[in-house]
Amino acid sequence: MSKVLKKYSSEFKDRAVRLLLEKGMKANQVSLELDVPASYLSHWKKDYLLAHRGIKTSIPLTIEDAGKRIKELERELLIAKEERDVLKKAVSFFAKQ
């Protein structure tokens, strides 16, 4: 007996991967919900990330990633403000001389 392999459209694959990435669902959950083997999902996820690697790098994939990114940006902002303040003081100091 031979197994019949289902063909999945690229839209279906993208939807499944977005459930994994954007909604933060586990592969087992998506697998049960969409009736797709979990191994397919991991393969589709890998392909999706490779295809979109340079396009969406600044968009966080999960809530945890978003929180980490926010903290990172706040830290960068604080450093930039401190550097700006130092430069303002230096300009003021050298302008007096």
PDB file of N, CA and C in Angstrom:
ATOM      1  N   MET A   1       0.826  -1.198   0.000  1.00  0.00           N
ATOM      2  CA  MET A   1       0.000   0.000   0.000  1.00  0.00           C
ATOM      3  C   MET A   1       0.864   1.252   0.000  1.00  0.00           C
ATOM      4  N   SER A   2       0.505   2.178  -0.798  1.00  0.00           N
ATOM      5  CA  SER A   2       1.239   3.437  -0.808  1.00  0.00           C
ATOM      6  C   SER A   2       0.443   4.497  -0.066  1.00  0.00           C
ATOM      7  N   LYS A   3       1.174   5.398   0.534  1.00  0.00           N
ATOM      8  CA  LYS A   3       0.531   6.495   1.267  1.00  0.00           C
ATOM      9  C   LYS A   3       0.189   7.619   0.303  1.00  0.00           C
ATOM     10  N   VAL A   4      -0.927   8.236   0.544  1.00  0.00           N
ATOM     11  CA  VAL A   4      -1.331   9.382  -0.259  1.00  0.00           C
ATOM     12  C   VAL A   4      -0.880  10.638   0.477  1.00  0.00           C
ATOM     13  N   LEU A   5      -0.028  11.403  -0.169  1.00  0.00           N
ATOM     14  CA  LEU A   5       0.465  12.636   0.436  1.00  0.00           C
ATOM     15  C   LEU A   5      -0.434  13.792   0.043  1.00  0.00           C
ATOM     16  N   LYS A   6      -0.824  14.552   1.034  1.00  0.00           N
ATOM     17  CA  LYS A   6      -1.647  15.731   0.765  1.00  0.00           C
ATOM     18  C   LYS A   6      -0.772  16.848   0.231  1.00  0.00           C
ATOM     19  N   LYS A   7      -1.316  17.628  -0.653  1.00  0.00           N
ATOM     20  CA  LYS A   7      -0.642  18.836  -1.140  1.00  0.00           C
ATOM     21  C   LYS A   7      -1.280  20.024  -0.442  1.00  0.00           C
ATOM     22  N   TYR A   8      -0.449  20.895   0.089  1.00  0.00           N
ATOM     23  CA  TYR A   8      -0.940  22.076   0.794  1.00  0.00           C
ATOM     24  C   TYR A   8      -0.548  23.318   0.001  1.00  0.00           C
ATOM     25  N   SER A   9      -1.465  24.249  -0.100  1.00  0.00           N
ATOM     26  CA  SER A   9      -1.192  25.486  -0.835  1.00  0.00           C
ATOM     27  C   SER A   9      -0.219  26.355  -0.046  1.00  0.00           C
ATOM     28  N   SER A  10       0.435  27.252  -0.741  1.00  0.00           N
ATOM     29  CA  SER A  10       1.376  28.146  -0.062  1.00  0.00           C
ATOM     30  C   SER A  10       0.649  29.062   0.911  1.00  0.00           C
ATOM     31  N   GLU A  11      -0.593  29.425   0.603  1.00  0.00           N
ATOM     32  CA  GLU A  11      -1.377  30.262   1.521  1.00  0.00           C
ATOM     33  C   GLU A  11      -1.667  29.512   2.817  1.00  0.00           C
ATOM     34  N   PHE A  12      -1.990  28.228   2.693  1.00  0.00           N
ATOM     35  CA  PHE A  12      -2.254  27.403   3.864  1.00  0.00           C
ATOM     36  C   PHE A  12      -0.994  27.281   4.722  1.00  0.00           C
ATOM     37  N   LYS A  13       0.146  27.058   4.056  1.00  0.00           N
ATOM     38  CA  LYS A  13       1.414  26.936   4.779  1.00  0.00           C
ATOM     39  C   LYS A  13       1.743  28.236   5.508  1.00  0.00           C
ATOM     40  N   ASP A  14       1.578  29.371   4.816  1.00  0.00           N
ATOM     41  CA  ASP A  14       1.855  30.670   5.439  1.00  0.00           C
ATOM     42  C   ASP A  14       0.945  30.911   6.634  1.00  0.00           C
ATOM     43  N   ARG A  15      -0.318  30.543   6.504  1.00  0.00           N
ATOM     44  CA  ARG A  15      -1.266  30.715   7.615  1.00  0.00           C
ATOM     45  C   ARG A  15      -0.841  29.869   8.813  1.00  0.00           C
ATOM     46  N   ALA A  16      -0.433  28.644   8.552  1.00  0.00           N
ATOM     47  CA  ALA A  16       0.006  27.750   9.622  1.00  0.00           C
ATOM     48  C   ALA A  16       1.253  28.303  10.311  1.00  0.00           C
ATOM     49  N   VAL A  17       2.188  28.802   9.529  1.00  0.00           N
ATOM     50  CA  VAL A  17       3.422  29.348  10.103  1.00  0.00           C
ATOM     51  C   VAL A  17       3.132  30.614  10.893  1.00  0.00           C
ATOM     52  N   ARG A  18       2.217  31.450  10.406  1.00  0.00           N
ATOM     53  CA  ARG A  18       1.870  32.665  11.146  1.00  0.00           C
ATOM     54  C   ARG A  18       1.219  32.327  12.482  1.00  0.00           C
ATOM     55  N   LEU A  19       0.457  31.243  12.536  1.00  0.00           N
ATOM     56  CA  LEU A  19      -0.101  30.806  13.818  1.00  0.00           C
ATOM     57  C   LEU A  19       1.023  30.462  14.788  1.00  0.00           C
ATOM     58  N   LEU A  20       2.065  29.837  14.269  1.00  0.00           N
ATOM     59  CA  LEU A  20       3.212  29.498  15.115  1.00  0.00           C
ATOM     60  C   LEU A  20       3.958  30.742  15.572  1.00  0.00           C
ATOM     61  N   LEU A  21       4.214  31.644  14.644  1.00  0.00           N
ATOM     62  CA  LEU A  21       5.081  32.781  14.930  1.00  0.00           C
ATOM     63  C   LEU A  21       4.353  33.954  15.579  1.00  0.00           C
ATOM     64  N   GLU A  22       3.261  34.374  15.005  1.00  0.00           N
ATOM     65  CA  GLU A  22       2.584  35.578  15.484  1.00  0.00           C
ATOM     66  C   GLU A  22       1.700  35.312  16.691  1.00  0.00           C
ATOM     67  N   LYS A  23       1.016  34.185  16.683  1.00  0.00           N
ATOM     68  CA  LYS A  23       0.117  33.862  17.795  1.00  0.00           C
ATOM     69  C   LYS A  23       0.853  33.154  18.918  1.00  0.00           C
ATOM     70  N   GLY A  24       2.067  32.687  18.642  1.00  0.00           N
ATOM     71  CA  GLY A  24       2.852  32.009  19.662  1.00  0.00           C
ATOM     72  C   GLY A  24       2.319  30.626  20.017  1.00  0.00           C
ATOM     73  N   MET A  25       1.564  30.032  19.121  1.00  0.00           N
ATOM     74  CA  MET A  25       1.013  28.703  19.384  1.00  0.00           C
ATOM     75  C   MET A  25       2.106  27.647  19.249  1.00  0.00           C
ATOM     76  N   LYS A  26       1.940  26.560  19.955  1.00  0.00           N
ATOM     77  CA  LYS A  26       2.873  25.437  19.876  1.00  0.00           C
ATOM     78  C   LYS A  26       2.580  24.639  18.604  1.00  0.00           C
ATOM     79  N   ALA A  27       3.614  23.977  18.100  1.00  0.00           N
ATOM     80  CA  ALA A  27       3.457  23.191  16.878  1.00  0.00           C
ATOM     81  C   ALA A  27       2.408  22.096  17.056  1.00  0.00           C
ATOM     82  N   ASN A  28       2.352  21.500  18.239  1.00  0.00           N
ATOM     83  CA  ASN A  28       1.362  20.442  18.479  1.00  0.00           C
ATOM     84  C   ASN A  28      -0.062  20.986  18.409  1.00  0.00           C
ATOM     85  N   GLN A  29      -0.264  22.199  18.927  1.00  0.00           N
ATOM     86  CA  GLN A  29      -1.594  22.816  18.880  1.00  0.00           C
ATOM     87  C   GLN A  29      -2.018  23.064  17.433  1.00  0.00           C
ATOM     88  N   VAL A  30      -1.127  23.671  16.677  1.00  0.00           N
ATOM     89  CA  VAL A  30      -1.431  23.984  15.276  1.00  0.00           C
ATOM     90  C   VAL A  30      -1.623  22.691  14.489  1.00  0.00           C
ATOM     91  N   SER A  31      -0.809  21.697  14.798  1.00  0.00           N
ATOM     92  CA  SER A  31      -0.914  20.408  14.132  1.00  0.00           C
ATOM     93  C   SER A  31      -2.294  19.793  14.324  1.00  0.00           C
ATOM     94  N   LEU A  32      -2.781  19.823  15.551  1.00  0.00           N
ATOM     95  CA  LEU A  32      -4.115  19.275  15.829  1.00  0.00           C
ATOM     96  C   LEU A  32      -5.212  20.123  15.200  1.00  0.00           C
ATOM     97  N   GLU A  33      -5.053  21.439  15.299  1.00  0.00           N
ATOM     98  CA  GLU A  33      -6.078  22.348  14.788  1.00  0.00           C
ATOM     99  C   GLU A  33      -6.233  22.254  13.273  1.00  0.00           C
ATOM    100  N   LEU A  34      -5.110  22.151  12.574  1.00  0.00           N
ATOM    101  CA  LEU A  34      -5.146  22.155  11.110  1.00  0.00           C
ATOM    102  C   LEU A  34      -5.029  20.760  10.497  1.00  0.00           C
ATOM    103  N   ASP A  35      -4.876  19.748  11.349  1.00  0.00           N
ATOM    104  CA  ASP A  35      -4.730  18.365  10.894  1.00  0.00           C
ATOM    105  C   ASP A  35      -3.543  18.224   9.939  1.00  0.00           C
ATOM    106  N   VAL A  36      -2.397  18.705  10.413  1.00  0.00           N
ATOM    107  CA  VAL A  36      -1.154  18.666   9.654  1.00  0.00           C
ATOM    108  C   VAL A  36      -0.088  18.066  10.568  1.00  0.00           C
ATOM    109  N   PRO A  37       0.759  17.189  10.056  1.00  0.00           N
ATOM    110  CA  PRO A  37       1.833  16.658  10.904  1.00  0.00           C
ATOM    111  C   PRO A  37       2.753  17.775  11.420  1.00  0.00           C
ATOM    112  N   ALA A  38       3.168  17.661  12.666  1.00  0.00           N
ATOM    113  CA  ALA A  38       4.023  18.683  13.275  1.00  0.00           C
ATOM    114  C   ALA A  38       5.350  18.808  12.534  1.00  0.00           C
ATOM    115  N   SER A  39       5.831  17.712  11.967  1.00  0.00           N
ATOM    116  CA  SER A  39       7.094  17.771  11.225  1.00  0.00           C
ATOM    117  C   SER A  39       6.968  18.668   9.995  1.00  0.00           C
ATOM    118  N   TYR A  40       5.787  18.678   9.375  1.00  0.00           N
ATOM    119  CA  TYR A  40       5.553  19.572   8.244  1.00  0.00           C
ATOM    120  C   TYR A  40       5.658  21.027   8.701  1.00  0.00           C
ATOM    121  N   LEU A  41       5.063  21.295   9.857  1.00  0.00           N
ATOM    122  CA  LEU A  41       5.058  22.671  10.370  1.00  0.00           C
ATOM    123  C   LEU A  41       6.473  23.175  10.606  1.00  0.00           C
ATOM    124  N   SER A  42       7.308  22.341  11.208  1.00  0.00           N
ATOM    125  CA  SER A  42       8.678  22.793  11.473  1.00  0.00           C
ATOM    126  C   SER A  42       9.430  23.039  10.167  1.00  0.00           C
ATOM    127  N   HIS A  43       9.178  22.213   9.174  1.00  0.00           N
ATOM    128  CA  HIS A  43       9.820  22.408   7.870  1.00  0.00           C
ATOM    129  C   HIS A  43       9.313  23.693   7.205  1.00  0.00           C
ATOM    130  N   TRP A  44       8.003  23.905   7.250  1.00  0.00           N
ATOM    131  CA  TRP A  44       7.418  25.118   6.667  1.00  0.00           C
ATOM    132  C   TRP A  44       7.922  26.360   7.387  1.00  0.00           C
ATOM    133  N   LYS A  45       8.049  26.269   8.708  1.00  0.00           N
ATOM    134  CA  LYS A  45       8.534  27.409   9.494  1.00  0.00           C
ATOM    135  C   LYS A  45       9.960  27.762   9.079  1.00  0.00           C
ATOM    136  N   LYS A  46      10.798  26.742   8.935  1.00  0.00           N
ATOM    137  CA  LYS A  46      12.183  26.969   8.513  1.00  0.00           C
ATOM    138  C   LYS A  46      12.220  27.633   7.141  1.00  0.00           C
ATOM    139  N   ASP A  47      11.440  27.122   6.208  1.00  0.00           N
ATOM    140  CA  ASP A  47      11.393  27.700   4.862  1.00  0.00           C
ATOM    141  C   ASP A  47      10.888  29.144   4.889  1.00  0.00           C
ATOM    142  N   TYR A  48       9.863  29.381   5.693  1.00  0.00           N
ATOM    143  CA  TYR A  48       9.279  30.724   5.804  1.00  0.00           C
ATOM    144  C   TYR A  48      10.310  31.715   6.345  1.00  0.00           C
ATOM    145  N   LEU A  49      11.007  31.317   7.407  1.00  0.00           N
ATOM    146  CA  LEU A  49      11.996  32.211   8.009  1.00  0.00           C
ATOM    147  C   LEU A  49      13.154  32.481   7.060  1.00  0.00           C
ATOM    148  N   LEU A  50      13.561  31.480   6.305  1.00  0.00           N
ATOM    149  CA  LEU A  50      14.626  31.694   5.321  1.00  0.00           C
ATOM    150  C   LEU A  50      14.169  32.631   4.208  1.00  0.00           C
ATOM    151  N   ALA A  51      12.937  32.470   3.775  1.00  0.00           N
ATOM    152  CA  ALA A  51      12.415  33.303   2.688  1.00  0.00           C
ATOM    153  C   ALA A  51      12.188  34.745   3.123  1.00  0.00           C
ATOM    154  N   HIS A  52      11.816  34.955   4.376  1.00  0.00           N
ATOM    155  CA  HIS A  52      11.490  36.290   4.868  1.00  0.00           C
ATOM    156  C   HIS A  52      12.571  36.852   5.786  1.00  0.00           C
ATOM    157  N   ARG A  53      13.726  36.271   5.753  1.00  0.00           N
ATOM    158  CA  ARG A  53      14.796  36.607   6.679  1.00  0.00           C
ATOM    159  C   ARG A  53      15.164  38.084   6.668  1.00  0.00           C
ATOM    160  N   GLY A  54      15.360  38.694   5.537  1.00  0.00           N
ATOM    161  CA  GLY A  54      15.778  40.088   5.495  1.00  0.00           C
ATOM    162  C   GLY A  54      14.632  41.074   5.501  1.00  0.00           C
ATOM    163  N   ILE A  55      13.431  40.603   5.312  1.00  0.00           N
ATOM    164  CA  ILE A  55      12.294  41.495   5.127  1.00  0.00           C
ATOM    165  C   ILE A  55      11.704  41.975   6.441  1.00  0.00           C
ATOM    166  N   LYS A  56      11.513  41.086   7.385  1.00  0.00           N
ATOM    167  CA  LYS A  56      10.782  41.429   8.595  1.00  0.00           C
ATOM    168  C   LYS A  56      11.651  41.327   9.848  1.00  0.00           C
ATOM    169  N   THR A  57      12.900  41.699   9.746  1.00  0.00           N
ATOM    170  CA  THR A  57      13.780  41.516  10.890  1.00  0.00           C
ATOM    171  C   THR A  57      13.413  42.394  12.066  1.00  0.00           C
ATOM    172  N   SER A  58      12.797  43.540  11.830  1.00  0.00           N
ATOM    173  CA  SER A  58      12.485  44.431  12.941  1.00  0.00           C
ATOM    174  C   SER A  58      11.133  44.127  13.575  1.00  0.00           C
ATOM    175  N   ILE A  59      10.363  43.243  12.980  1.00  0.00           N
ATOM    176  CA  ILE A  59       9.051  42.907  13.533  1.00  0.00           C
ATOM    177  C   ILE A  59       9.190  41.696  14.445  1.00  0.00           C
ATOM    178  N   PRO A  60       8.843  41.847  15.712  1.00  0.00           N
ATOM    179  CA  PRO A  60       8.960  40.720  16.638  1.00  0.00           C
ATOM    180  C   PRO A  60       8.004  39.595  16.261  1.00  0.00           C
ATOM    181  N   LEU A  61       8.421  38.370  16.513  1.00  0.00           N
ATOM    182  CA  LEU A  61       7.616  37.226  16.141  1.00  0.00           C
ATOM    183  C   LEU A  61       6.655  36.803  17.239  1.00  0.00           C
ATOM    184  N   THR A  62       7.003  37.042  18.482  1.00  0.00           N
ATOM    185  CA  THR A  62       6.124  36.663  19.586  1.00  0.00           C
ATOM    186  C   THR A  62       6.041  37.816  20.579  1.00  0.00           C
ATOM    187  N   ILE A  63       5.159  37.681  21.541  1.00  0.00           N
ATOM    188  CA  ILE A  63       5.018  38.708  22.573  1.00  0.00           C
ATOM    189  C   ILE A  63       6.308  38.823  23.381  1.00  0.00           C
ATOM    190  N   GLU A  64       6.931  37.677  23.669  1.00  0.00           N
ATOM    191  CA  GLU A  64       8.191  37.707  24.415  1.00  0.00           C
ATOM    192  C   GLU A  64       9.266  38.452  23.629  1.00  0.00           C
ATOM    193  N   ASP A  65       9.320  38.197  22.312  1.00  0.00           N
ATOM    194  CA  ASP A  65      10.286  38.898  21.463  1.00  0.00           C
ATOM    195  C   ASP A  65      10.006  40.398  21.453  1.00  0.00           C
ATOM    196  N   ALA A  66       8.734  40.756  21.436  1.00  0.00           N
ATOM    197  CA  ALA A  66       8.364  42.173  21.441  1.00  0.00           C
ATOM    198  C   ALA A  66       8.815  42.830  22.737  1.00  0.00           C
ATOM    199  N   GLY A  67       8.609  42.161  23.854  1.00  0.00           N
ATOM    200  CA  GLY A  67       9.038  42.707  25.145  1.00  0.00           C
ATOM    201  C   GLY A  67      10.542  42.882  25.204  1.00  0.00           C
ATOM    202  N   LYS A  68      11.276  41.885  24.707  1.00  0.00           N
ATOM    203  CA  LYS A  68      12.739  41.983  24.683  1.00  0.00           C
ATOM    204  C   LYS A  68      13.177  43.141  23.792  1.00  0.00           C
ATOM    205  N   ARG A  69      12.520  43.272  22.653  1.00  0.00           N
ATOM    206  CA  ARG A  69      12.878  44.343  21.709  1.00  0.00           C
ATOM    207  C   ARG A  69      12.592  45.713  22.308  1.00  0.00           C
ATOM    208  N   ILE A  70      11.479  45.839  23.030  1.00  0.00           N
ATOM    209  CA  ILE A  70      11.141  47.116  23.672  1.00  0.00           C
ATOM    210  C   ILE A  70      12.201  47.480  24.701  1.00  0.00           C
ATOM    211  N   LYS A  71      12.597  46.520  25.532  1.00  0.00           N
ATOM    212  CA  LYS A  71      13.632  46.791  26.539  1.00  0.00           C
ATOM    213  C   LYS A  71      14.947  47.185  25.878  1.00  0.00           C
ATOM    214  N   GLU A  72      15.287  46.496  24.799  1.00  0.00           N
ATOM    215  CA  GLU A  72      16.514  46.809  24.072  1.00  0.00           C
ATOM    216  C   GLU A  72      16.465  48.227  23.503  1.00  0.00           C
ATOM    217  N   LEU A  73      15.339  48.604  22.925  1.00  0.00           N
ATOM    218  CA  LEU A  73      15.195  49.946  22.355  1.00  0.00           C
ATOM    219  C   LEU A  73      15.193  51.022  23.434  1.00  0.00           C
ATOM    220  N   GLU A  74      14.574  50.733  24.577  1.00  0.00           N
ATOM    221  CA  GLU A  74      14.589  51.702  25.681  1.00  0.00           C
ATOM    222  C   GLU A  74      16.010  51.917  26.184  1.00  0.00           C
ATOM    223  N   ARG A  75      16.786  50.833  26.262  1.00  0.00           N
ATOM    224  CA  ARG A  75      18.181  50.933  26.697  1.00  0.00           C
ATOM    225  C   ARG A  75      18.987  51.767  25.693  1.00  0.00           C
ATOM    226  N   GLU A  76      18.776  51.516  24.404  1.00  0.00           N
ATOM    227  CA  GLU A  76      19.464  52.289  23.369  1.00  0.00           C
ATOM    228  C   GLU A  76      19.075  53.759  23.430  1.00  0.00           C
ATOM    229  N   LEU A  77      17.805  54.036  23.675  1.00  0.00           N
ATOM    230  CA  LEU A  77      17.334  55.414  23.775  1.00  0.00           C
ATOM    231  C   LEU A  77      17.988  56.125  24.950  1.00  0.00           C
ATOM    232  N   LEU A  78      18.076  55.447  26.082  1.00  0.00           N
ATOM    233  CA  LEU A  78      18.710  56.037  27.263  1.00  0.00           C
ATOM    234  C   LEU A  78      20.170  56.384  26.979  1.00  0.00           C
ATOM    235  N   ILE A  79      20.879  55.479  26.331  1.00  0.00           N
ATOM    236  CA  ILE A  79      22.284  55.729  25.988  1.00  0.00           C
ATOM    237  C   ILE A  79      22.389  56.909  25.027  1.00  0.00           C
ATOM    238  N   ALA A  80      21.526  56.965  24.035  1.00  0.00           N
ATOM    239  CA  ALA A  80      21.552  58.064  23.064  1.00  0.00           C
ATOM    240  C   ALA A  80      21.271  59.400  23.742  1.00  0.00           C
ATOM    241  N   LYS A  81      20.325  59.419  24.684  1.00  0.00           N
ATOM    242  CA  LYS A  81      20.024  60.661  25.404  1.00  0.00           C
ATOM    243  C   LYS A  81      21.211  61.103  26.252  1.00  0.00           C
ATOM    244  N   GLU A  82      21.864  60.147  26.914  1.00  0.00           N
ATOM    245  CA  GLU A  82      23.039  60.494  27.715  1.00  0.00           C
ATOM    246  C   GLU A  82      24.154  61.048  26.835  1.00  0.00           C
ATOM    247  N   GLU A  83      24.375  60.428  25.688  1.00  0.00           N
ATOM    248  CA  GLU A  83      25.400  60.917  24.764  1.00  0.00           C
ATOM    249  C   GLU A  83      25.048  62.309  24.254  1.00  0.00           C
ATOM    250  N   ARG A  84      23.788  62.546  23.945  1.00  0.00           N
ATOM    251  CA  ARG A  84      23.338  63.854  23.490  1.00  0.00           C
ATOM    252  C   ARG A  84      23.599  64.910  24.551  1.00  0.00           C
ATOM    253  N   ASP A  85      23.279  64.594  25.810  1.00  0.00           N
ATOM    254  CA  ASP A  85      23.490  65.551  26.894  1.00  0.00           C
ATOM    255  C   ASP A  85      24.969  65.887  27.060  1.00  0.00           C
ATOM    256  N   VAL A  86      25.823  64.881  26.948  1.00  0.00           N
ATOM    257  CA  VAL A  86      27.264  65.120  27.051  1.00  0.00           C
ATOM    258  C   VAL A  86      27.723  66.023  25.913  1.00  0.00           C
ATOM    259  N   LEU A  87      27.233  65.759  24.709  1.00  0.00           N
ATOM    260  CA  LEU A  87      27.627  66.585  23.565  1.00  0.00           C
ATOM    261  C   LEU A  87      27.126  68.019  23.700  1.00  0.00           C
ATOM    262  N   LYS A  88      25.924  68.195  24.239  1.00  0.00           N
ATOM    263  CA  LYS A  88      25.408  69.548  24.465  1.00  0.00           C
ATOM    264  C   LYS A  88      26.309  70.308  25.425  1.00  0.00           C
ATOM    265  N   LYS A  89      26.720  69.639  26.500  1.00  0.00           N
ATOM    266  CA  LYS A  89      27.596  70.283  27.478  1.00  0.00           C
ATOM    267  C   LYS A  89      28.950  70.608  26.863  1.00  0.00           C
ATOM    268  N   ALA A  90      29.465  69.709  26.031  1.00  0.00           N
ATOM    269  CA  ALA A  90      30.755  69.946  25.389  1.00  0.00           C
ATOM    270  C   ALA A  90      30.670  71.127  24.428  1.00  0.00           C
ATOM    271  N   VAL A  91      29.598  71.219  23.664  1.00  0.00           N
ATOM    272  CA  VAL A  91      29.416  72.340  22.737  1.00  0.00           C
ATOM    273  C   VAL A  91      29.338  73.638  23.518  1.00  0.00           C
ATOM    274  N   SER A  92      28.600  73.622  24.599  1.00  0.00           N
ATOM    275  CA  SER A  92      28.471  74.816  25.434  1.00  0.00           C
ATOM    276  C   SER A  92      29.827  75.214  26.011  1.00  0.00           C
ATOM    277  N   PHE A  93      30.582  74.232  26.474  1.00  0.00           N
ATOM    278  CA  PHE A  93      31.891  74.502  27.067  1.00  0.00           C
ATOM    279  C   PHE A  93      32.848  75.100  26.036  1.00  0.00           C
ATOM    280  N   PHE A  94      32.914  74.497  24.853  1.00  0.00           N
ATOM    281  CA  PHE A  94      33.840  74.977  23.837  1.00  0.00           C
ATOM    282  C   PHE A  94      33.375  76.282  23.198  1.00  0.00           C
ATOM    283  N   ALA A  95      32.089  76.563  23.225  1.00  0.00           N
ATOM    284  CA  ALA A  95      31.582  77.820  22.684  1.00  0.00           C
ATOM    285  C   ALA A  95      32.009  78.996  23.551  1.00  0.00           C
ATOM    286  N   LYS A  96      32.179  78.754  24.844  1.00  0.00           N
ATOM    287  CA  LYS A  96      32.597  79.813  25.764  1.00  0.00           C
ATOM    288  C   LYS A  96      34.065  80.169  25.580  1.00  0.00           C
ATOM    289  N   GLN A  97      34.844  79.276  25.074  1.00  0.00           N
ATOM    290  CA  GLN A  97      36.289  79.530  24.929  1.00  0.00           C
ATOM    291  C   GLN A  97      36.635  80.218  23.647  1.00  0.00           C
TER     292      GLN A  97
END
